[in-house]
Amino acid sequence: ELFELALAGDVRAISGGVFGLSEARAAH
């Protein structure tokens, strides 16, 4: 259902940031 809502444009994800694997500490 979530995928269907996303494809319909009713629910979208919000990016909080993309960190490198080496930046896991900074992500936490």
PDB file of all heavy atoms in Angstrom:
ATOM      1  N   GLU A   1       0.826  -1.206   0.000  1.00  0.00           N
ATOM      2  CA  GLU A   1       0.000   0.000   0.000  1.00  0.00           C
ATOM      3  C   GLU A   1       0.864   1.260   0.000  1.00  0.00           C
ATOM      4  O   GLU A   1       0.541   2.249  -0.678  1.00  0.00           O
ATOM      5  CB  GLU A   1      -0.944   0.007   1.201  1.00  0.00           C
ATOM      6  CG  GLU A   1      -1.917   1.190   1.169  1.00  0.00           C
ATOM      7  CD  GLU A   1      -3.048   1.082   2.167  1.00  0.00           C
ATOM      8  OE1 GLU A   1      -3.052   0.132   2.996  1.00  0.00           O
ATOM      9  OE2 GLU A   1      -3.936   1.953   2.122  1.00  0.00           O
ATOM     10  N   LEU A   2       1.951   1.227   0.732  1.00  0.00           N
ATOM     11  CA  LEU A   2       2.845   2.385   0.753  1.00  0.00           C
ATOM     12  C   LEU A   2       3.457   2.639  -0.621  1.00  0.00           C
ATOM     13  O   LEU A   2       3.532   3.792  -1.076  1.00  0.00           O
ATOM     14  CB  LEU A   2       3.947   2.177   1.801  1.00  0.00           C
ATOM     15  CG  LEU A   2       3.494   2.264   3.260  1.00  0.00           C
ATOM     16  CD1 LEU A   2       4.566   1.699   4.189  1.00  0.00           C
ATOM     17  CD2 LEU A   2       3.162   3.700   3.655  1.00  0.00           C
ATOM     18  N   PHE A   3       3.884   1.581  -1.300  1.00  0.00           N
ATOM     19  CA  PHE A   3       4.425   1.756  -2.647  1.00  0.00           C
ATOM     20  C   PHE A   3       3.363   2.326  -3.589  1.00  0.00           C
ATOM     21  O   PHE A   3       3.644   3.198  -4.417  1.00  0.00           O
ATOM     22  CB  PHE A   3       4.952   0.429  -3.193  1.00  0.00           C
ATOM     23  CG  PHE A   3       6.308   0.025  -2.669  1.00  0.00           C
ATOM     24  CD1 PHE A   3       6.606  -1.314  -2.412  1.00  0.00           C
ATOM     25  CD2 PHE A   3       7.298   0.968  -2.455  1.00  0.00           C
ATOM     26  CE1 PHE A   3       7.854  -1.692  -1.951  1.00  0.00           C
ATOM     27  CE2 PHE A   3       8.561   0.598  -1.983  1.00  0.00           C
ATOM     28  CZ  PHE A   3       8.832  -0.741  -1.735  1.00  0.00           C
ATOM     29  N   GLU A   4       2.130   1.839  -3.469  1.00  0.00           N
ATOM     30  CA  GLU A   4       1.047   2.342  -4.316  1.00  0.00           C
ATOM     31  C   GLU A   4       0.800   3.831  -4.053  1.00  0.00           C
ATOM     32  O   GLU A   4       0.597   4.611  -5.001  1.00  0.00           O
ATOM     33  CB  GLU A   4      -0.229   1.542  -4.053  1.00  0.00           C
ATOM     34  CG  GLU A   4      -0.182   0.116  -4.568  1.00  0.00           C
ATOM     35  CD  GLU A   4      -1.378  -0.701  -4.109  1.00  0.00           C
ATOM     36  OE1 GLU A   4      -2.280  -0.128  -3.450  1.00  0.00           O
ATOM     37  OE2 GLU A   4      -1.415  -1.910  -4.406  1.00  0.00           O
ATOM     38  N   LEU A   5       0.814   4.228  -2.791  1.00  0.00           N
ATOM     39  CA  LEU A   5       0.602   5.631  -2.456  1.00  0.00           C
ATOM     40  C   LEU A   5       1.734   6.500  -2.982  1.00  0.00           C
ATOM     41  O   LEU A   5       1.509   7.631  -3.426  1.00  0.00           O
ATOM     42  CB  LEU A   5       0.476   5.782  -0.933  1.00  0.00           C
ATOM     43  CG  LEU A   5      -0.823   5.248  -0.314  1.00  0.00           C
ATOM     44  CD1 LEU A   5      -0.689   5.139   1.207  1.00  0.00           C
ATOM     45  CD2 LEU A   5      -2.006   6.144  -0.673  1.00  0.00           C
ATOM     46  N   ALA A   6       2.953   5.968  -2.944  1.00  0.00           N
ATOM     47  CA  ALA A   6       4.091   6.722  -3.458  1.00  0.00           C
ATOM     48  C   ALA A   6       3.985   6.906  -4.967  1.00  0.00           C
ATOM     49  O   ALA A   6       4.201   8.007  -5.494  1.00  0.00           O
ATOM     50  CB  ALA A   6       5.398   6.010  -3.111  1.00  0.00           C
ATOM     51  N   LEU A   7       3.628   5.843  -5.670  1.00  0.00           N
ATOM     52  CA  LEU A   7       3.515   5.920  -7.123  1.00  0.00           C
ATOM     53  C   LEU A   7       2.368   6.836  -7.542  1.00  0.00           C
ATOM     54  O   LEU A   7       2.419   7.470  -8.608  1.00  0.00           O
ATOM     55  CB  LEU A   7       3.323   4.516  -7.704  1.00  0.00           C
ATOM     56  CG  LEU A   7       4.552   3.607  -7.617  1.00  0.00           C
ATOM     57  CD1 LEU A   7       4.190   2.175  -7.980  1.00  0.00           C
ATOM     58  CD2 LEU A   7       5.668   4.120  -8.522  1.00  0.00           C
ATOM     59  N   ALA A   8       1.342   6.937  -6.692  1.00  0.00           N
ATOM     60  CA  ALA A   8       0.211   7.818  -6.977  1.00  0.00           C
ATOM     61  C   ALA A   8       0.486   9.264  -6.583  1.00  0.00           C
ATOM     62  O   ALA A   8      -0.317  10.152  -6.882  1.00  0.00           O
ATOM     63  CB  ALA A   8      -1.038   7.320  -6.247  1.00  0.00           C
ATOM     64  N   GLY A   9       1.618   9.486  -5.910  1.00  0.00           N
ATOM     65  CA  GLY A   9       1.965  10.836  -5.492  1.00  0.00           C
ATOM     66  C   GLY A   9       1.308  11.283  -4.212  1.00  0.00           C
ATOM     67  O   GLY A   9       1.341  12.472  -3.863  1.00  0.00           O
ATOM     68  N   ASP A  10       0.714  10.344  -3.453  1.00  0.00           N
ATOM     69  CA  ASP A  10       0.015  10.700  -2.221  1.00  0.00           C
ATOM     70  C   ASP A  10       0.918  10.691  -0.995  1.00  0.00           C
ATOM     71  O   ASP A  10       0.578  11.280   0.035  1.00  0.00           O
ATOM     72  CB  ASP A  10      -1.155   9.737  -1.988  1.00  0.00           C
ATOM     73  CG  ASP A  10      -2.240   9.892  -3.036  1.00  0.00           C
ATOM     74  OD1 ASP A  10      -2.456  11.030  -3.492  1.00  0.00           O
ATOM     75  OD2 ASP A  10      -2.850   8.879  -3.418  1.00  0.00           O
ATOM     76  N   VAL A  11       2.033   9.993  -1.056  1.00  0.00           N
ATOM     77  CA  VAL A  11       2.999   9.950   0.043  1.00  0.00           C
ATOM     78  C   VAL A  11       4.399  10.077  -0.552  1.00  0.00           C
ATOM     79  O   VAL A  11       4.720   9.392  -1.531  1.00  0.00           O
ATOM     80  CB  VAL A  11       2.901   8.634   0.853  1.00  0.00           C
ATOM     81  CG1 VAL A  11       4.007   8.560   1.893  1.00  0.00           C
ATOM     82  CG2 VAL A  11       1.551   8.523   1.540  1.00  0.00           C
ATOM     83  N   ARG A  12       5.199  10.957   0.013  1.00  0.00           N
ATOM     84  CA  ARG A  12       6.575  11.101  -0.455  1.00  0.00           C
ATOM     85  C   ARG A  12       7.536  11.039   0.725  1.00  0.00           C
ATOM     86  O   ARG A  12       7.189  11.402   1.850  1.00  0.00           O
ATOM     87  CB  ARG A  12       6.755  12.416  -1.209  1.00  0.00           C
ATOM     88  CG  ARG A  12       6.504  13.680  -0.405  1.00  0.00           C
ATOM     89  CD  ARG A  12       6.559  14.910  -1.303  1.00  0.00           C
ATOM     90  NE  ARG A  12       6.220  16.145  -0.604  1.00  0.00           N
ATOM     91  CZ  ARG A  12       7.119  16.974  -0.083  1.00  0.00           C
ATOM     92  NH1 ARG A  12       8.415  16.682  -0.163  1.00  0.00           N
ATOM     93  NH2 ARG A  12       6.745  18.088   0.517  1.00  0.00           N
ATOM     94  N   ALA A  13       8.724  10.539   0.436  1.00  0.00           N
ATOM     95  CA  ALA A  13       9.755  10.452   1.469  1.00  0.00           C
ATOM     96  C   ALA A  13      10.496  11.777   1.562  1.00  0.00           C
ATOM     97  O   ALA A  13      10.678  12.478   0.566  1.00  0.00           O
ATOM     98  CB  ALA A  13      10.730   9.334   1.142  1.00  0.00           C
ATOM     99  N   ILE A  14      10.919  12.105   2.773  1.00  0.00           N
ATOM    100  CA  ILE A  14      11.698  13.318   3.022  1.00  0.00           C
ATOM    101  C   ILE A  14      13.117  12.903   3.399  1.00  0.00           C
ATOM    102  O   ILE A  14      13.314  12.144   4.352  1.00  0.00           O
ATOM    103  CB  ILE A  14      11.084  14.154   4.159  1.00  0.00           C
ATOM    104  CG1 ILE A  14       9.634  14.519   3.832  1.00  0.00           C
ATOM    105  CG2 ILE A  14      11.915  15.411   4.407  1.00  0.00           C
ATOM    106  CD1 ILE A  14       9.446  15.340   2.584  1.00  0.00           C
ATOM    107  N   SER A  15      14.092  13.389   2.659  1.00  0.00           N
ATOM    108  CA  SER A  15      15.484  13.051   2.958  1.00  0.00           C
ATOM    109  C   SER A  15      15.989  13.876   4.135  1.00  0.00           C
ATOM    110  O   SER A  15      15.879  15.098   4.148  1.00  0.00           O
ATOM    111  CB  SER A  15      16.366  13.314   1.735  1.00  0.00           C
ATOM    112  OG  SER A  15      17.726  13.092   2.063  1.00  0.00           O
ATOM    113  N   GLY A  16      16.552  13.175   5.105  1.00  0.00           N
ATOM    114  CA  GLY A  16      17.165  13.860   6.240  1.00  0.00           C
ATOM    115  C   GLY A  16      18.667  13.975   6.095  1.00  0.00           C
ATOM    116  O   GLY A  16      19.348  14.503   6.979  1.00  0.00           O
ATOM    117  N   GLY A  17      19.185  13.462   4.987  1.00  0.00           N
ATOM    118  CA  GLY A  17      20.616  13.531   4.745  1.00  0.00           C
ATOM    119  C   GLY A  17      21.178  12.189   4.333  1.00  0.00           C
ATOM    120  O   GLY A  17      20.752  11.147   4.838  1.00  0.00           O
ATOM    121  N   VAL A  18      22.099  12.227   3.379  1.00  0.00           N
ATOM    122  CA  VAL A  18      22.799  11.019   2.942  1.00  0.00           C
ATOM    123  C   VAL A  18      24.243  11.121   3.418  1.00  0.00           C
ATOM    124  O   VAL A  18      24.970  12.045   3.047  1.00  0.00           O
ATOM    125  CB  VAL A  18      22.749  10.866   1.407  1.00  0.00           C
ATOM    126  CG1 VAL A  18      23.506   9.613   0.985  1.00  0.00           C
ATOM    127  CG2 VAL A  18      21.301  10.800   0.928  1.00  0.00           C
ATOM    128  N   PHE A  19      24.658  10.179   4.251  1.00  0.00           N
ATOM    129  CA  PHE A  19      26.000  10.139   4.816  1.00  0.00           C
ATOM    130  C   PHE A  19      26.771   8.981   4.195  1.00  0.00           C
ATOM    131  O   PHE A  19      26.188   7.955   3.840  1.00  0.00           O
ATOM    132  CB  PHE A  19      25.944   9.941   6.335  1.00  0.00           C
ATOM    133  CG  PHE A  19      25.287  11.059   7.096  1.00  0.00           C
ATOM    134  CD1 PHE A  19      23.904  11.175   7.124  1.00  0.00           C
ATOM    135  CD2 PHE A  19      26.048  11.984   7.799  1.00  0.00           C
ATOM    136  CE1 PHE A  19      23.293  12.206   7.839  1.00  0.00           C
ATOM    137  CE2 PHE A  19      25.450  13.010   8.511  1.00  0.00           C
ATOM    138  CZ  PHE A  19      24.069  13.125   8.524  1.00  0.00           C
ATOM    139  N   GLY A  20      28.072   9.129   4.083  1.00  0.00           N
ATOM    140  CA  GLY A  20      28.891   8.008   3.675  1.00  0.00           C
ATOM    141  C   GLY A  20      28.947   6.961   4.771  1.00  0.00           C
ATOM    142  O   GLY A  20      28.704   7.261   5.954  1.00  0.00           O
ATOM    143  N   LEU A  21      29.263   5.721   4.400  1.00  0.00           N
ATOM    144  CA  LEU A  21      29.406   4.670   5.406  1.00  0.00           C
ATOM    145  C   LEU A  21      30.430   5.086   6.459  1.00  0.00           C
ATOM    146  O   LEU A  21      30.258   4.814   7.653  1.00  0.00           O
ATOM    147  CB  LEU A  21      29.837   3.367   4.723  1.00  0.00           C
ATOM    148  CG  LEU A  21      29.797   2.094   5.570  1.00  0.00           C
ATOM    149  CD1 LEU A  21      28.381   1.789   6.024  1.00  0.00           C
ATOM    150  CD2 LEU A  21      30.359   0.917   4.759  1.00  0.00           C
ATOM    151  N   SER A  22      31.476   5.782   6.026  1.00  0.00           N
ATOM    152  CA  SER A  22      32.516   6.249   6.947  1.00  0.00           C
ATOM    153  C   SER A  22      32.017   7.357   7.871  1.00  0.00           C
ATOM    154  O   SER A  22      32.707   7.736   8.813  1.00  0.00           O
ATOM    155  CB  SER A  22      33.728   6.752   6.161  1.00  0.00           C
ATOM    156  OG  SER A  22      33.354   7.838   5.318  1.00  0.00           O
ATOM    157  N   GLU A  23      30.822   7.884   7.590  1.00  0.00           N
ATOM    158  CA  GLU A  23      30.263   8.974   8.385  1.00  0.00           C
ATOM    159  C   GLU A  23      29.124   8.508   9.284  1.00  0.00           C
ATOM    160  O   GLU A  23      28.292   9.304   9.705  1.00  0.00           O
ATOM    161  CB  GLU A  23      29.750  10.078   7.457  1.00  0.00           C
ATOM    162  CG  GLU A  23      30.813  10.687   6.560  1.00  0.00           C
ATOM    163  CD  GLU A  23      30.233  11.641   5.545  1.00  0.00           C
ATOM    164  OE1 GLU A  23      29.311  11.234   4.799  1.00  0.00           O
ATOM    165  OE2 GLU A  23      30.686  12.804   5.498  1.00  0.00           O
ATOM    166  N   ALA A  24      29.096   7.212   9.608  1.00  0.00           N
ATOM    167  CA  ALA A  24      28.021   6.676  10.441  1.00  0.00           C
ATOM    168  C   ALA A  24      27.946   7.374  11.798  1.00  0.00           C
ATOM    169  O   ALA A  24      26.861   7.639  12.319  1.00  0.00           O
ATOM    170  CB  ALA A  24      28.203   5.170  10.628  1.00  0.00           C
ATOM    171  N   ARG A  25      29.121   7.674  12.361  1.00  0.00           N
ATOM    172  CA  ARG A  25      29.121   8.383  13.650  1.00  0.00           C
ATOM    173  C   ARG A  25      28.411   9.724  13.527  1.00  0.00           C
ATOM    174  O   ARG A  25      27.591  10.078  14.383  1.00  0.00           O
ATOM    175  CB  ARG A  25      30.560   8.583  14.140  1.00  0.00           C
ATOM    176  CG  ARG A  25      30.660   9.448  15.387  1.00  0.00           C
ATOM    177  CD  ARG A  25      32.089   9.541  15.903  1.00  0.00           C
ATOM    178  NE  ARG A  25      32.179  10.450  17.038  1.00  0.00           N
ATOM    179  CZ  ARG A  25      33.267  10.627  17.785  1.00  0.00           C
ATOM    180  NH1 ARG A  25      34.371   9.924  17.509  1.00  0.00           N
ATOM    181  NH2 ARG A  25      33.272  11.463  18.802  1.00  0.00           N
ATOM    182  N   ALA A  26      28.706  10.470  12.475  1.00  0.00           N
ATOM    183  CA  ALA A  26      28.068  11.770  12.272  1.00  0.00           C
ATOM    184  C   ALA A  26      26.564  11.615  12.085  1.00  0.00           C
ATOM    185  O   ALA A  26      25.774  12.454  12.548  1.00  0.00           O
ATOM    186  CB  ALA A  26      28.684  12.479  11.072  1.00  0.00           C
ATOM    187  N   ALA A  27      26.145  10.532  11.416  1.00  0.00           N
ATOM    188  CA  ALA A  27      24.718  10.283  11.224  1.00  0.00           C
ATOM    189  C   ALA A  27      24.026  10.052  12.563  1.00  0.00           C
ATOM    190  O   ALA A  27      22.926  10.570  12.810  1.00  0.00           O
ATOM    191  CB  ALA A  27      24.515   9.093  10.297  1.00  0.00           C
ATOM    192  N   HIS A  28      24.656   9.278  13.440  1.00  0.00           N
ATOM    193  CA  HIS A  28      24.073   9.031  14.766  1.00  0.00           C
ATOM    194  C   HIS A  28      24.048  10.316  15.601  1.00  0.00           C
ATOM    195  O   HIS A  28      23.081  10.572  16.329  1.00  0.00           O
ATOM    196  CB  HIS A  28      24.856   7.942  15.498  1.00  0.00           C
ATOM    197  CG  HIS A  28      24.420   6.559  15.141  1.00  0.00           C
ATOM    198  ND1 HIS A  28      24.258   5.556  16.081  1.00  0.00           N
ATOM    199  CD2 HIS A  28      24.089   6.006  13.946  1.00  0.00           C
ATOM    200  CE1 HIS A  28      23.872   4.453  15.482  1.00  0.00           C
ATOM    201  NE2 HIS A  28      23.765   4.696  14.178  1.00  0.00           N
TER     202      HIS A  28
END
